[in-house]
Protein backbone atom coordinates (compact mmCIF):
# COMPACT_ATOMS: atom_id res chain seq x y z
CA UNK A 1 0.00 0.00 0.00
CA UNK A 2 2.75 2.44 0.99
CA UNK A 3 4.86 1.54 -2.05
CA UNK A 4 1.89 2.15 -4.35
CA UNK A 5 1.26 5.46 -2.61
CA UNK A 6 4.84 6.65 -3.11
CA UNK A 7 4.78 5.56 -6.76
CA UNK A 8 1.47 7.36 -7.29
CA UNK A 9 2.81 10.52 -5.68
CA UNK A 10 5.91 10.41 -7.89
CA UNK A 11 3.82 9.99 -11.05
CA UNK A 12 1.37 12.62 -9.84
CA UNK A 13 4.19 15.09 -9.19
CA UNK A 14 5.62 14.49 -12.67
CA UNK A 15 2.20 14.87 -14.27
CA UNK A 16 1.49 18.01 -12.24
CA UNK A 17 4.85 19.56 -13.16
CA UNK A 18 4.27 18.81 -16.84
CA UNK A 19 0.72 20.18 -16.75
CA UNK A 20 1.89 23.31 -14.89
CA UNK A 21 4.72 23.89 -17.38
CA UNK A 22 2.38 23.54 -20.35
CA UNK A 23 -0.29 25.75 -18.77
CA UNK A 24 2.32 28.38 -17.85
CA UNK A 25 3.72 28.35 -21.39
CA UNK A 26 0.24 28.71 -22.90
CA UNK A 27 -0.58 31.55 -20.48
CA UNK A 28 2.54 33.49 -21.54
CA UNK A 29 1.81 32.79 -25.22
CA UNK A 30 -1.77 34.04 -24.80
CA UNK A 31 -0.54 37.14 -22.92
CA UNK A 32 1.91 38.18 -25.63
CA UNK A 33 -0.60 37.36 -28.38
CA UNK A 34 -3.25 39.61 -26.81
CA UNK A 35 -0.66 42.30 -26.07
CA UNK A 36 0.43 42.39 -29.73
CA UNK A 37 -3.22 42.31 -30.79
CA UNK A 38 -3.98 45.45 -28.75
CA UNK A 39 -0.94 47.31 -30.09
CA UNK A 40 -1.81 46.35 -33.67
PDB file of N, CA and C in Angstrom:
ATOM      1  N   UNK A   1       0.844  -1.199   0.000  1.00  0.00           N
ATOM      2  CA  UNK A   1       0.000   0.000   0.000  1.00  0.00           C
ATOM      3  C   UNK A   1       0.877   1.245   0.000  1.00  0.00           C
ATOM      4  N   UNK A   2       1.877   1.260   0.892  1.00  0.00           N
ATOM      5  CA  UNK A   2       2.748   2.439   0.985  1.00  0.00           C
ATOM      6  C   UNK A   2       3.575   2.601  -0.294  1.00  0.00           C
ATOM      7  N   UNK A   3       4.068   1.475  -0.819  1.00  0.00           N
ATOM      8  CA  UNK A   3       4.863   1.542  -2.046  1.00  0.00           C
ATOM      9  C   UNK A   3       4.034   2.103  -3.198  1.00  0.00           C
ATOM     10  N   UNK A   4       2.787   1.657  -3.298  1.00  0.00           N
ATOM     11  CA  UNK A   4       1.894   2.147  -4.351  1.00  0.00           C
ATOM     12  C   UNK A   4       1.661   3.648  -4.157  1.00  0.00           C
ATOM     13  N   UNK A   5       1.512   4.055  -2.903  1.00  0.00           N
ATOM     14  CA  UNK A   5       1.256   5.460  -2.605  1.00  0.00           C
ATOM     15  C   UNK A   5       2.434   6.328  -3.051  1.00  0.00           C
ATOM     16  N   UNK A   6       3.646   5.879  -2.725  1.00  0.00           N
ATOM     17  CA  UNK A   6       4.836   6.646  -3.112  1.00  0.00           C
ATOM     18  C   UNK A   6       4.966   6.721  -4.627  1.00  0.00           C
ATOM     19  N   UNK A   7       4.694   5.598  -5.295  1.00  0.00           N
ATOM     20  CA  UNK A   7       4.783   5.564  -6.757  1.00  0.00           C
ATOM     21  C   UNK A   7       3.744   6.509  -7.357  1.00  0.00           C
ATOM     22  N   UNK A   8       2.536   6.495  -6.786  1.00  0.00           N
ATOM     23  CA  UNK A   8       1.469   7.357  -7.287  1.00  0.00           C
ATOM     24  C   UNK A   8       1.855   8.821  -7.103  1.00  0.00           C
ATOM     25  N   UNK A   9       2.422   9.141  -5.944  1.00  0.00           N
ATOM     26  CA  UNK A   9       2.814  10.522  -5.683  1.00  0.00           C
ATOM     27  C   UNK A   9       3.884  10.971  -6.663  1.00  0.00           C
ATOM     28  N   UNK A  10       4.827  10.079  -6.969  1.00  0.00           N
ATOM     29  CA  UNK A  10       5.906  10.412  -7.894  1.00  0.00           C
ATOM     30  C   UNK A  10       5.329  10.690  -9.277  1.00  0.00           C
ATOM     31  N   UNK A  11       4.444   9.803  -9.738  1.00  0.00           N
ATOM     32  CA  UNK A  11       3.822   9.989 -11.046  1.00  0.00           C
ATOM     33  C   UNK A  11       2.958  11.245 -11.042  1.00  0.00           C
ATOM     34  N   UNK A  12       2.248  11.460  -9.939  1.00  0.00           N
ATOM     35  CA  UNK A  12       1.368  12.619  -9.837  1.00  0.00           C
ATOM     36  C   UNK A  12       2.189  13.901  -9.892  1.00  0.00           C
ATOM     37  N   UNK A  13       3.326  13.907  -9.207  1.00  0.00           N
ATOM     38  CA  UNK A  13       4.189  15.085  -9.190  1.00  0.00           C
ATOM     39  C   UNK A  13       4.716  15.369 -10.589  1.00  0.00           C
ATOM     40  N   UNK A  14       5.120  14.320 -11.298  1.00  0.00           N
ATOM     41  CA  UNK A  14       5.624  14.490 -12.667  1.00  0.00           C
ATOM     42  C   UNK A  14       4.515  15.024 -13.569  1.00  0.00           C
ATOM     43  N   UNK A  15       3.333  14.444 -13.449  1.00  0.00           N
ATOM     44  CA  UNK A  15       2.198  14.871 -14.269  1.00  0.00           C
ATOM     45  C   UNK A  15       1.829  16.312 -13.943  1.00  0.00           C
ATOM     46  N   UNK A  16       1.834  16.659 -12.661  1.00  0.00           N
ATOM     47  CA  UNK A  16       1.491  18.014 -12.240  1.00  0.00           C
ATOM     48  C   UNK A  16       2.508  19.017 -12.773  1.00  0.00           C
ATOM     49  N   UNK A  17       3.791  18.665 -12.676  1.00  0.00           N
ATOM     50  CA  UNK A  17       4.854  19.556 -13.158  1.00  0.00           C
ATOM     51  C   UNK A  17       4.715  19.777 -14.657  1.00  0.00           C
ATOM     52  N   UNK A  18       4.431  18.705 -15.387  1.00  0.00           N
ATOM     53  CA  UNK A  18       4.271  18.812 -16.842  1.00  0.00           C
ATOM     54  C   UNK A  18       3.061  19.680 -17.173  1.00  0.00           C
ATOM     55  N   UNK A  19       1.943  19.422 -16.501  1.00  0.00           N
ATOM     56  CA  UNK A  19       0.720  20.185 -16.745  1.00  0.00           C
ATOM     57  C   UNK A  19       0.936  21.658 -16.415  1.00  0.00           C
ATOM     58  N   UNK A  20       1.633  21.930 -15.303  1.00  0.00           N
ATOM     59  CA  UNK A  20       1.892  23.308 -14.892  1.00  0.00           C
ATOM     60  C   UNK A  20       2.778  24.004 -15.919  1.00  0.00           C
ATOM     61  N   UNK A  21       3.799  23.307 -16.388  1.00  0.00           N
ATOM     62  CA  UNK A  21       4.716  23.886 -17.375  1.00  0.00           C
ATOM     63  C   UNK A  21       3.982  24.226 -18.665  1.00  0.00           C
ATOM     64  N   UNK A  22       3.139  23.311 -19.119  1.00  0.00           N
ATOM     65  CA  UNK A  22       2.381  23.536 -20.350  1.00  0.00           C
ATOM     66  C   UNK A  22       1.405  24.695 -20.160  1.00  0.00           C
ATOM     67  N   UNK A  23       0.682  24.693 -19.046  1.00  0.00           N
ATOM     68  CA  UNK A  23      -0.290  25.755 -18.767  1.00  0.00           C
ATOM     69  C   UNK A  23       0.404  27.106 -18.671  1.00  0.00           C
ATOM     70  N   UNK A  24       1.574  27.133 -18.010  1.00  0.00           N
ATOM     71  CA  UNK A  24       2.323  28.379 -17.848  1.00  0.00           C
ATOM     72  C   UNK A  24       2.785  28.889 -19.207  1.00  0.00           C
ATOM     73  N   UNK A  25       3.253  27.979 -20.055  1.00  0.00           N
ATOM     74  CA  UNK A  25       3.722  28.354 -21.394  1.00  0.00           C
ATOM     75  C   UNK A  25       2.571  28.910 -22.222  1.00  0.00           C
ATOM     76  N   UNK A  26       1.418  28.255 -22.158  1.00  0.00           N
ATOM     77  CA  UNK A  26       0.244  28.714 -22.903  1.00  0.00           C
ATOM     78  C   UNK A  26      -0.196  30.083 -22.394  1.00  0.00           C
ATOM     79  N   UNK A  27      -0.166  30.278 -21.080  1.00  0.00           N
ATOM     80  CA  UNK A  27      -0.577  31.553 -20.483  1.00  0.00           C
ATOM     81  C   UNK A  27       0.305  32.685 -20.999  1.00  0.00           C
ATOM     82  N   UNK A  28       1.614  32.465 -21.049  1.00  0.00           N
ATOM     83  CA  UNK A  28       2.542  33.490 -21.538  1.00  0.00           C
ATOM     84  C   UNK A  28       2.291  33.744 -23.020  1.00  0.00           C
ATOM     85  N   UNK A  29       2.075  32.666 -23.789  1.00  0.00           N
ATOM     86  CA  UNK A  29       1.810  32.792 -25.223  1.00  0.00           C
ATOM     87  C   UNK A  29       0.541  33.613 -25.451  1.00  0.00           C
ATOM     88  N   UNK A  30      -0.506  33.310 -24.695  1.00  0.00           N
ATOM     89  CA  UNK A  30      -1.773  34.044 -24.805  1.00  0.00           C
ATOM     90  C   UNK A  30      -1.566  35.511 -24.445  1.00  0.00           C
ATOM     91  N   UNK A  31      -0.788  35.768 -23.376  1.00  0.00           N
ATOM     92  CA  UNK A  31      -0.544  37.136 -22.917  1.00  0.00           C
ATOM     93  C   UNK A  31       0.127  37.965 -24.007  1.00  0.00           C
ATOM     94  N   UNK A  32       1.200  37.433 -24.581  1.00  0.00           N
ATOM     95  CA  UNK A  32       1.911  38.178 -25.625  1.00  0.00           C
ATOM     96  C   UNK A  32       1.061  38.316 -26.881  1.00  0.00           C
ATOM     97  N   UNK A  33       0.267  37.293 -27.195  1.00  0.00           N
ATOM     98  CA  UNK A  33      -0.600  37.356 -28.376  1.00  0.00           C
ATOM     99  C   UNK A  33      -1.623  38.477 -28.215  1.00  0.00           C
ATOM    100  N   UNK A  34      -2.256  38.563 -27.059  1.00  0.00           N
ATOM    101  CA  UNK A  34      -3.252  39.608 -26.811  1.00  0.00           C
ATOM    102  C   UNK A  34      -2.581  40.972 -26.746  1.00  0.00           C
ATOM    103  N   UNK A  35      -1.381  41.034 -26.187  1.00  0.00           N
ATOM    104  CA  UNK A  35      -0.658  42.299 -26.070  1.00  0.00           C
ATOM    105  C   UNK A  35      -0.345  42.842 -27.463  1.00  0.00           C
ATOM    106  N   UNK A  36       0.130  41.967 -28.356  1.00  0.00           N
ATOM    107  CA  UNK A  36       0.428  42.385 -29.728  1.00  0.00           C
ATOM    108  C   UNK A  36      -0.862  42.779 -30.438  1.00  0.00           C
ATOM    109  N   UNK A  37      -1.938  42.037 -30.153  1.00  0.00           N
ATOM    110  CA  UNK A  37      -3.224  42.314 -30.787  1.00  0.00           C
ATOM    111  C   UNK A  37      -3.720  43.710 -30.439  1.00  0.00           C
ATOM    112  N   UNK A  38      -3.537  44.119 -29.172  1.00  0.00           N
ATOM    113  CA  UNK A  38      -3.985  45.448 -28.749  1.00  0.00           C
ATOM    114  C   UNK A  38      -3.139  46.538 -29.398  1.00  0.00           C
ATOM    115  N   UNK A  39      -1.830  46.310 -29.490  1.00  0.00           N
ATOM    116  CA  UNK A  39      -0.941  47.306 -30.088  1.00  0.00           C
ATOM    117  C   UNK A  39      -1.239  47.452 -31.574  1.00  0.00           C
ATOM    118  N   UNK A  40      -1.528  46.320 -32.239  1.00  0.00           N
ATOM    119  CA  UNK A  40      -1.812  46.347 -33.675  1.00  0.00           C
ATOM    120  C   UNK A  40      -3.265  46.794 -33.875  1.00  0.00           C
TER     121      UNK A  40
END
